[in-house]
Amino acid sequence: MPSLSPLVRLPDGTVKQRAPLTGTEVWTVPGRAHRPIEAPRDERTRIAPDERTRLCAFCADRYRETTPEKARLVRGDDGGLELLRRVPPDALFDTVAEFRRFGNLFEIVSAEYWRENYGFRQPSDVVRWADEYLSAPTGRAQVERLLATRDAASGIPTDVEAGALDLVGGSHDVVVARRHVRDDAEWDDELVSSGELTPDEHAAYVSFTIDALTQIAAAQPHAKYTSVFQNWLRPAGATFEHLHKQLVAIDEFGPQVSREIGMLASDRALYQREIIDAARREGLVVAANDHAVAVAGVGHRFPSFEVYSRSRAHLPQAHAPEERRGVSDLLHALHAATGARVPTNEEWHYRPAGVIAPMPWRIVLKWRVSTPAGFEGGTKIFVNTIDPWMLRERAVTALRDLREAGRIGDGIRLGDECPPADTRLHYAD
């Protein structure tokens, strides 16, 4: 039996992979790649037009069912987007939010965590905001309902004033898109995924998320990193089938970032050589534009695309607008090629502030189309039903149709159209 190289196809058709950044071992077994990848749905329900905006707590008619809003993007009179911060409780329905940001009611890393472990106290402007929110009867009622929900889950009663401060001053935020279902939807499963947005809408979504990343980093001085991710559909971990991202500040880098920092100490060209050059050599380049490149990933537990920024900047917030747009357009195109019925995880990776090692901003899009079970647990070998070559072929075919239909961003080159210059990263220049 041949030894496991990063990517090898055996005589029987089995593909064995080893992830260059994690060391994860993955097999793709012939005959399993053609299984359906869309998440099964037990039933679908017909909805009336007035139900489209109130299907879940993230919907536009239910603004008061989330924690106090930290920011929203709204359409101005000229059709452009305007950023509003800390919308008062009595003004929540004065505008329609294309995207909005608020604290997660059930935080992964809570406000109490930062207070008890680091002695963190909220700055005066946050204290003032909480007080002002509670001073409005509608705001107090909103906060009391939310705290009652959380208290019922934890069994621990919360003082309203202290609880309100935690709700507005936490470091685990949710970024939510306006639509749960399409504007013309007749059924509750006609969902708006990232790929259902227009390229312009998706670019605003990404930029608004980057603004949230900047705000969280500034607000929590004890955080070393902020995890940014998107769970789409329940099999991928989503509580609501309503498009949203999450950002969670943490007080360490996490094992994966720490591992990559160690690898970079001896190989600044790590991502160029191990990921992008290998993808070009193996024919795994999916798409590119002037600012980013997308490849079919090797060694992932699930079929995965990797979108790499080609900018010299390392942090998303340090990218120029056109560079952000380039990353957004490729990511949006891959979501569109994936389809709204496939469960996915979207994970952002970037250099933590204060780290010297050069690390490019990259986003991994995973198709959650299988469930690791006993074999994987016992062997730590993961069975991925679609190998990287097949994933690349499926994506390029779908993207070609989307491009012809005008549904993806301008200037996207596909597969073999991408010249060598498209695969040159600049993060280490």
Protein backbone atom coordinates (compact mmCIF):
# COMPACT_ATOMS: atom_id res chain seq x y z
CA MET A 1 0.00 0.00 0.00
CA PRO A 2 1.51 3.39 -0.94
CA SER A 3 2.26 5.86 1.87
CA LEU A 4 -0.16 8.72 2.35
CA SER A 5 0.90 11.85 0.47
CA PRO A 6 -1.22 15.05 0.71
CA LEU A 7 -3.42 13.84 -2.16
CA VAL A 8 -3.32 10.47 -3.92
CA ARG A 9 -5.76 8.33 -5.88
CA LEU A 10 -5.33 4.57 -5.41
CA PRO A 11 -5.85 2.02 -8.22
CA ASP A 12 -9.36 1.17 -7.00
CA GLY A 13 -10.37 4.85 -7.11
CA THR A 14 -10.13 5.57 -3.39
CA VAL A 15 -8.75 9.08 -2.76
CA LYS A 16 -6.63 9.64 0.35
CA GLN A 17 -5.89 13.13 1.60
CA ARG A 18 -3.91 14.76 4.37
CA ALA A 19 -4.67 18.36 5.26
CA PRO A 20 -1.46 20.43 5.04
CA LEU A 21 -2.42 22.78 7.90
CA THR A 22 -4.07 20.33 10.32
CA GLY A 23 -2.74 16.88 9.44
CA THR A 24 -6.31 15.50 9.27
CA GLU A 25 -6.57 12.29 7.25
CA VAL A 26 -9.51 11.89 4.90
CA TRP A 27 -10.65 9.14 2.54
CA THR A 28 -13.10 9.35 -0.33
CA VAL A 29 -14.47 5.93 -1.23
CA PRO A 30 -15.76 5.20 -4.76
CA GLY A 31 -19.52 5.00 -5.07
CA ARG A 32 -20.38 7.34 -2.19
CA ALA A 33 -19.87 10.63 -4.04
CA HIS A 34 -23.17 10.59 -5.90
CA ARG A 35 -25.43 10.57 -2.85
CA PRO A 36 -27.82 13.56 -2.56
CA ILE A 37 -26.24 16.47 -0.72
CA GLU A 38 -29.35 18.56 -0.04
CA ALA A 39 -30.67 18.40 3.51
CA PRO A 40 -33.93 16.43 3.69
CA ARG A 41 -36.95 18.35 4.96
CA ASP A 42 -39.78 16.51 6.67
CA GLU A 43 -42.47 18.86 5.41
CA ARG A 44 -43.02 22.24 3.87
CA THR A 45 -45.71 24.72 4.86
CA ARG A 46 -47.53 27.18 2.64
CA ILE A 47 -47.23 30.73 3.94
CA ALA A 48 -49.29 33.88 3.39
CA PRO A 49 -47.55 37.05 2.18
CA ASP A 50 -47.76 38.67 5.63
CA GLU A 51 -46.01 35.67 7.21
CA ARG A 52 -42.79 36.12 5.22
CA THR A 53 -41.49 38.73 7.70
CA ARG A 54 -42.39 36.95 10.95
CA LEU A 55 -41.31 33.32 10.56
CA CYS A 56 -38.67 33.46 13.31
CA ALA A 57 -37.23 35.78 15.95
CA PHE A 58 -34.73 37.16 13.42
CA CYS A 59 -37.45 38.38 11.05
CA ALA A 60 -38.25 42.03 10.35
CA ASP A 61 -41.62 42.10 12.16
CA ARG A 62 -40.06 40.71 15.34
CA TYR A 63 -37.22 43.12 16.13
CA ARG A 64 -38.11 43.20 19.82
CA GLU A 65 -37.49 39.47 20.20
CA THR A 66 -33.73 39.96 19.95
CA THR A 67 -31.35 41.76 22.29
CA PRO A 68 -30.87 45.55 21.92
CA GLU A 69 -29.58 46.33 18.47
CA LYS A 70 -25.96 47.49 18.17
CA ALA A 71 -26.10 48.50 14.50
CA ARG A 72 -28.12 48.20 11.30
CA LEU A 73 -27.77 48.98 7.60
CA VAL A 74 -30.76 50.71 6.00
CA ARG A 75 -31.59 51.99 2.52
CA GLY A 76 -31.24 55.75 2.16
CA ASP A 77 -33.33 57.96 -0.08
CA ASP A 78 -30.73 57.58 -2.83
CA GLY A 79 -30.85 53.78 -2.65
CA GLY A 80 -27.49 53.52 -0.94
CA LEU A 81 -26.89 51.90 2.44
CA GLU A 82 -26.58 53.92 5.64
CA LEU A 83 -25.15 52.68 8.95
CA LEU A 84 -27.15 53.36 12.12
CA ARG A 85 -25.80 52.49 15.56
CA ARG A 86 -27.68 51.75 18.79
CA VAL A 87 -31.20 52.22 17.44
CA PRO A 88 -33.50 53.25 20.34
CA PRO A 89 -36.28 50.78 21.24
CA ASP A 90 -39.05 53.13 20.10
CA ALA A 91 -37.37 53.61 16.69
CA LEU A 92 -36.83 49.95 15.80
CA PHE A 93 -39.63 49.92 13.25
CA ASP A 94 -38.96 53.38 11.80
CA THR A 95 -36.62 51.84 9.23
CA VAL A 96 -36.18 48.42 7.65
CA ALA A 97 -32.80 46.85 8.37
CA GLU A 98 -31.12 45.20 5.41
CA PHE A 99 -28.66 43.79 7.96
CA ARG A 100 -28.61 44.20 11.72
CA ARG A 101 -26.25 43.30 14.57
CA PHE A 102 -27.13 42.44 18.15
CA GLY A 103 -25.78 40.36 21.02
CA ASN A 104 -26.45 36.63 21.20
CA LEU A 105 -28.84 35.90 24.06
CA PHE A 106 -27.05 32.63 24.78
CA GLU A 107 -23.38 33.54 24.44
CA ILE A 108 -20.57 31.04 23.93
CA VAL A 109 -18.24 33.33 25.90
CA SER A 110 -20.43 35.39 28.20
CA ALA A 111 -20.13 38.92 29.55
CA GLU A 112 -19.77 37.29 32.97
CA TYR A 113 -16.70 35.41 31.69
CA TRP A 114 -14.85 38.66 30.98
CA ARG A 115 -16.06 40.25 34.21
CA GLU A 116 -15.18 37.39 36.56
CA ASN A 117 -11.97 36.18 34.91
CA TYR A 118 -10.48 39.54 33.91
CA GLY A 119 -12.23 42.10 36.06
CA PHE A 120 -13.60 43.78 32.94
CA ARG A 121 -16.09 46.58 33.49
CA GLN A 122 -18.18 48.16 30.78
CA PRO A 123 -17.16 51.69 29.73
CA SER A 124 -19.38 54.62 30.63
CA ASP A 125 -20.96 54.96 27.18
CA VAL A 126 -22.19 51.35 27.28
CA VAL A 127 -23.56 51.83 30.81
CA ARG A 128 -25.35 54.97 29.60
CA TRP A 129 -26.79 53.13 26.60
CA ALA A 130 -28.17 50.34 28.83
CA ASP A 131 -29.74 52.91 31.16
CA GLU A 132 -31.29 54.81 28.26
CA TYR A 133 -32.67 51.60 26.76
CA LEU A 134 -34.32 50.66 30.05
CA SER A 135 -35.75 54.16 30.50
CA ALA A 136 -38.11 53.53 27.58
CA PRO A 137 -41.06 51.32 28.62
CA THR A 138 -40.80 49.34 25.37
CA GLY A 139 -37.08 48.82 25.96
CA ARG A 140 -37.55 47.65 29.56
CA ALA A 141 -40.30 45.26 28.51
CA GLN A 142 -38.09 43.87 25.76
CA VAL A 143 -35.17 43.31 28.12
CA GLU A 144 -37.36 41.77 30.82
CA ARG A 145 -38.81 39.25 28.34
CA LEU A 146 -35.37 38.29 27.09
CA LEU A 147 -33.93 37.88 30.58
CA ALA A 148 -36.93 35.78 31.60
CA THR A 149 -36.19 33.45 28.68
CA ARG A 150 -32.53 33.16 29.64
CA ASP A 151 -33.30 32.79 33.35
CA ALA A 152 -35.73 29.97 32.61
CA ALA A 153 -32.98 28.12 30.72
CA SER A 154 -30.29 28.65 33.37
CA GLY A 155 -32.44 28.56 36.49
CA ILE A 156 -30.61 31.64 37.79
CA PRO A 157 -32.56 34.90 38.17
CA THR A 158 -30.98 38.06 36.76
CA ASP A 159 -31.30 41.65 37.95
CA VAL A 160 -32.79 43.70 35.12
CA GLU A 161 -30.22 46.52 35.25
CA ALA A 162 -27.25 44.15 35.41
CA GLY A 163 -28.78 41.90 32.77
CA ALA A 164 -29.39 44.78 30.39
CA LEU A 165 -25.75 45.83 30.68
CA ASP A 166 -24.62 42.31 29.79
CA LEU A 167 -27.01 42.17 26.82
CA VAL A 168 -25.65 45.37 25.26
CA GLY A 169 -22.02 44.92 26.31
CA GLY A 170 -21.34 41.29 25.41
CA SER A 171 -18.76 40.13 22.89
CA HIS A 172 -20.74 37.45 21.05
CA ASP A 173 -22.73 39.14 18.29
CA VAL A 174 -25.11 38.02 15.56
CA VAL A 175 -25.31 39.65 12.11
CA VAL A 176 -28.70 38.99 10.50
CA ALA A 177 -29.94 39.55 6.95
CA ARG A 178 -33.37 41.03 6.27
CA ARG A 179 -35.10 38.17 4.50
CA HIS A 180 -35.93 34.76 5.91
CA VAL A 181 -37.54 33.63 2.66
CA ARG A 182 -37.65 35.15 -0.80
CA ASP A 183 -39.85 38.21 -1.19
CA ASP A 184 -42.19 36.20 -3.43
CA ALA A 185 -42.07 32.99 -1.37
CA GLU A 186 -45.19 30.85 -1.12
CA TRP A 187 -43.57 28.11 0.99
CA ASP A 188 -41.52 28.29 4.19
CA ASP A 189 -38.59 26.40 2.61
CA GLU A 190 -37.93 29.03 -0.10
CA LEU A 191 -35.08 30.33 2.01
CA VAL A 192 -32.67 33.18 1.31
CA SER A 193 -29.15 31.79 1.65
CA SER A 194 -25.93 33.73 1.03
CA GLY A 195 -26.09 32.63 -2.59
CA GLU A 196 -29.62 34.03 -2.98
CA LEU A 197 -28.34 37.55 -2.21
CA THR A 198 -27.19 39.71 -5.07
CA PRO A 199 -23.42 40.28 -5.31
CA ASP A 200 -23.98 43.85 -4.01
CA GLU A 201 -26.06 42.62 -1.07
CA HIS A 202 -23.45 40.01 -0.21
CA ALA A 203 -20.68 42.62 -0.34
CA ALA A 204 -22.65 44.76 2.13
CA TYR A 205 -23.13 41.68 4.34
CA VAL A 206 -19.40 40.99 4.38
CA SER A 207 -18.46 44.64 5.02
CA PHE A 208 -21.04 44.93 7.81
CA THR A 209 -19.56 41.79 9.39
CA ILE A 210 -16.08 43.30 9.15
CA ASP A 211 -17.40 46.43 10.89
CA ALA A 212 -18.74 44.16 13.66
CA LEU A 213 -15.33 42.49 13.91
CA THR A 214 -13.69 45.90 14.31
CA GLN A 215 -16.20 47.00 16.96
CA ILE A 216 -15.84 43.82 19.03
CA ALA A 217 -12.04 43.98 18.94
CA ALA A 218 -12.15 47.58 20.18
CA ALA A 219 -14.75 46.87 22.88
CA GLN A 220 -13.10 43.84 24.51
CA PRO A 221 -9.44 44.57 25.32
CA HIS A 222 -8.83 41.14 26.86
CA ALA A 223 -9.75 39.25 23.68
CA LYS A 224 -6.92 37.82 21.59
CA TYR A 225 -9.06 36.73 18.67
CA THR A 226 -12.61 36.90 17.34
CA SER A 227 -14.05 33.83 15.69
CA VAL A 228 -16.27 34.66 12.70
CA PHE A 229 -18.52 31.95 11.27
CA GLN A 230 -21.83 31.17 9.62
CA ASN A 231 -23.95 28.06 10.19
CA TRP A 232 -26.52 27.52 7.45
CA LEU A 233 -29.42 25.11 8.09
CA ARG A 234 -29.93 22.95 11.16
CA PRO A 235 -27.64 20.05 10.14
CA ALA A 236 -24.80 22.62 10.15
CA GLY A 237 -25.67 23.90 13.64
CA ALA A 238 -28.10 26.75 12.90
CA THR A 239 -30.83 27.42 15.46
CA PHE A 240 -32.86 29.44 12.95
CA GLU A 241 -33.07 28.88 9.19
CA HIS A 242 -32.58 32.62 8.73
CA LEU A 243 -29.34 33.88 7.20
CA HIS A 244 -26.92 35.11 9.87
CA LYS A 245 -23.27 35.15 10.90
CA GLN A 246 -21.81 35.05 14.41
CA LEU A 247 -18.75 36.67 15.95
CA VAL A 248 -17.31 35.45 19.26
CA ALA A 249 -14.41 37.11 21.08
CA ILE A 250 -12.10 34.65 22.85
CA ASP A 251 -9.05 35.03 25.09
CA GLU A 252 -6.75 32.72 23.14
CA PHE A 253 -5.93 32.00 19.52
CA GLY A 254 -7.19 28.44 19.58
CA PRO A 255 -5.14 25.34 18.64
CA GLN A 256 -5.42 25.79 14.86
CA VAL A 257 -4.19 29.38 14.74
CA SER A 258 -1.42 28.53 17.22
CA ARG A 259 -0.38 25.56 15.06
CA GLU A 260 -0.19 27.73 11.95
CA ILE A 261 1.84 30.40 13.74
CA GLY A 262 4.34 27.70 14.68
CA MET A 263 4.52 26.39 11.12
CA LEU A 264 5.06 29.91 9.77
CA ALA A 265 8.14 30.33 11.94
CA SER A 266 10.06 28.15 9.48
CA ASP A 267 8.00 28.69 6.32
CA ARG A 268 6.56 32.13 5.57
CA ALA A 269 5.39 30.78 2.21
CA LEU A 270 3.27 28.09 3.92
CA TYR A 271 -0.10 29.02 2.40
CA GLN A 272 1.30 29.80 -1.04
CA ARG A 273 3.28 26.57 -1.28
CA GLU A 274 1.13 24.06 0.60
CA ILE A 275 -2.32 25.29 -0.45
CA ILE A 276 -2.37 27.45 -3.55
CA ASP A 277 0.62 26.04 -5.46
CA ALA A 278 -0.55 22.51 -4.69
CA ALA A 279 -4.06 23.37 -5.87
CA ARG A 280 -2.73 24.67 -9.18
CA ARG A 281 -0.52 21.61 -9.62
CA GLU A 282 -3.42 19.23 -8.94
CA GLY A 283 -5.97 21.14 -11.05
CA LEU A 284 -8.05 22.27 -8.07
CA VAL A 285 -8.35 26.00 -8.81
CA VAL A 286 -12.07 26.80 -8.93
CA ALA A 287 -12.22 30.54 -9.61
CA ALA A 288 -10.37 33.82 -9.22
CA ASN A 289 -10.67 37.55 -9.72
CA ASP A 290 -8.17 40.35 -9.34
CA HIS A 291 -8.21 40.21 -5.53
CA ALA A 292 -8.89 36.61 -4.47
CA VAL A 293 -8.64 32.99 -5.51
CA ALA A 294 -10.84 29.99 -4.63
CA VAL A 295 -9.69 26.37 -4.60
CA ALA A 296 -11.13 22.98 -3.71
CA GLY A 297 -9.62 22.18 -0.33
CA VAL A 298 -7.57 19.09 0.51
CA GLY A 299 -7.92 17.10 3.74
CA HIS A 300 -11.18 18.54 5.06
CA ARG A 301 -13.69 16.38 6.91
CA PHE A 302 -16.39 17.73 4.60
CA PRO A 303 -16.21 18.89 0.95
CA SER A 304 -14.73 22.37 1.32
CA PHE A 305 -13.77 25.41 -0.72
CA GLU A 306 -11.07 27.82 0.40
CA VAL A 307 -11.17 31.47 -0.64
CA TYR A 308 -7.86 33.29 -0.21
CA SER A 309 -7.41 37.02 -0.32
CA ARG A 310 -4.49 38.04 -2.52
CA SER A 311 -4.00 41.29 -0.61
CA ARG A 312 -0.90 42.24 1.34
CA ALA A 313 -3.23 42.99 4.26
CA HIS A 314 -3.78 40.26 6.84
CA LEU A 315 -6.81 41.47 8.82
CA PRO A 316 -10.18 41.75 7.02
CA GLN A 317 -10.60 45.31 8.34
CA ALA A 318 -7.25 46.31 6.81
CA HIS A 319 -8.39 45.41 3.29
CA ALA A 320 -9.22 48.12 0.79
CA PRO A 321 -12.88 48.22 -0.34
CA GLU A 322 -12.09 46.65 -3.71
CA GLU A 323 -10.14 43.86 -1.98
CA ARG A 324 -13.05 43.10 0.34
CA ARG A 325 -15.33 43.06 -2.68
CA GLY A 326 -13.08 40.58 -4.47
CA VAL A 327 -13.22 38.15 -1.54
CA SER A 328 -16.96 38.68 -1.17
CA ASP A 329 -17.69 38.04 -4.84
CA LEU A 330 -15.88 34.69 -4.88
CA LEU A 331 -17.48 33.62 -1.61
CA HIS A 332 -20.92 34.64 -2.86
CA ALA A 333 -20.38 32.76 -6.13
CA LEU A 334 -19.50 29.58 -4.24
CA HIS A 335 -22.59 29.93 -2.05
CA ALA A 336 -24.69 30.40 -5.18
CA ALA A 337 -23.14 27.30 -6.76
CA THR A 338 -23.81 25.35 -3.56
CA GLY A 339 -27.51 26.19 -3.40
CA ALA A 340 -29.83 27.13 -0.55
CA ARG A 341 -30.73 23.56 0.43
CA VAL A 342 -27.20 22.36 1.27
CA PRO A 343 -26.13 22.76 4.92
CA THR A 344 -22.88 24.70 5.16
CA ASN A 345 -20.41 26.20 7.60
CA GLU A 346 -18.50 29.32 6.67
CA GLU A 347 -15.33 29.95 8.70
CA TRP A 348 -13.14 33.05 8.59
CA HIS A 349 -9.39 32.78 9.25
CA TYR A 350 -7.02 35.73 9.58
CA ARG A 351 -3.92 36.90 11.45
CA PRO A 352 -4.73 37.86 15.05
CA ALA A 353 -3.84 41.43 15.96
CA GLY A 354 -0.41 41.55 17.57
CA VAL A 355 0.92 38.44 15.80
CA ILE A 356 3.98 39.08 13.66
CA ALA A 357 3.76 36.02 11.40
CA PRO A 358 2.15 36.81 8.00
CA MET A 359 -1.22 35.10 7.57
CA PRO A 360 -3.67 35.77 4.72
CA TRP A 361 -7.37 36.32 5.25
CA ARG A 362 -9.09 33.19 4.02
CA ILE A 363 -12.62 31.83 4.26
CA VAL A 364 -13.47 28.13 4.23
CA LEU A 365 -16.91 27.06 2.99
CA LYS A 366 -17.82 23.52 4.07
CA TRP A 367 -20.64 21.37 2.76
CA ARG A 368 -22.06 19.57 5.82
CA VAL A 369 -23.32 16.61 3.82
CA SER A 370 -22.24 13.70 6.03
CA THR A 371 -22.14 12.85 9.72
CA PRO A 372 -18.90 11.53 11.26
CA ALA A 373 -19.65 8.40 13.23
CA GLY A 374 -18.00 5.39 14.83
CA PHE A 375 -15.45 4.77 12.09
CA GLU A 376 -14.14 8.32 12.28
CA GLY A 377 -14.15 8.33 16.09
CA GLY A 378 -12.25 5.08 16.31
CA THR A 379 -9.66 5.68 13.58
CA LYS A 380 -9.48 9.49 13.31
CA ILE A 381 -9.73 8.90 9.55
CA PHE A 382 -12.64 10.86 8.13
CA VAL A 383 -14.78 9.77 5.20
CA ASN A 384 -15.47 12.70 2.87
CA THR A 385 -17.96 11.68 0.20
CA ILE A 386 -16.70 14.07 -2.51
CA ASP A 387 -13.03 14.26 -3.42
CA PRO A 388 -11.42 17.63 -4.29
CA TRP A 389 -11.32 16.98 -8.06
CA MET A 390 -15.01 16.15 -8.19
CA LEU A 391 -15.82 19.13 -5.97
CA ARG A 392 -13.92 21.43 -8.31
CA GLU A 393 -15.68 19.99 -11.37
CA ARG A 394 -19.13 20.40 -9.83
CA ALA A 395 -18.40 23.97 -8.77
CA VAL A 396 -16.93 25.13 -12.08
CA THR A 397 -19.88 23.67 -13.99
CA ALA A 398 -22.41 25.41 -11.73
CA LEU A 399 -20.46 28.69 -11.75
CA ARG A 400 -20.32 28.73 -15.53
CA ASP A 401 -24.13 28.60 -15.68
CA LEU A 402 -24.44 31.26 -12.96
CA ARG A 403 -22.03 33.55 -14.79
CA GLU A 404 -23.96 33.21 -18.04
CA ALA A 405 -27.14 34.08 -16.14
CA GLY A 406 -25.49 37.20 -14.67
CA ARG A 407 -26.00 36.01 -11.09
CA ILE A 408 -22.42 36.32 -9.82
CA GLY A 409 -19.94 39.18 -9.60
CA ASP A 410 -18.12 40.65 -12.58
CA GLY A 411 -14.57 39.69 -13.46
CA ILE A 412 -14.67 36.13 -12.14
CA ARG A 413 -12.50 33.68 -14.06
CA LEU A 414 -13.26 29.97 -13.77
CA GLY A 415 -11.02 26.93 -13.57
CA ASP A 416 -8.57 26.73 -16.47
CA GLU A 417 -9.29 30.37 -17.38
CA CYS A 418 -7.21 31.44 -14.36
CA PRO A 419 -3.62 32.33 -15.34
CA PRO A 420 -0.70 31.69 -12.94
CA ALA A 421 -0.87 35.31 -11.76
CA ASP A 422 -4.31 34.59 -10.25
CA THR A 423 -2.72 32.14 -7.83
CA ARG A 424 -0.02 34.45 -6.53
CA LEU A 425 -0.65 35.47 -2.92
CA HIS A 426 0.90 38.65 -1.52
CA TYR A 427 0.42 38.24 2.23
CA ALA A 428 4.15 37.62 2.79
CA ASP A 429 5.49 40.31 0.42
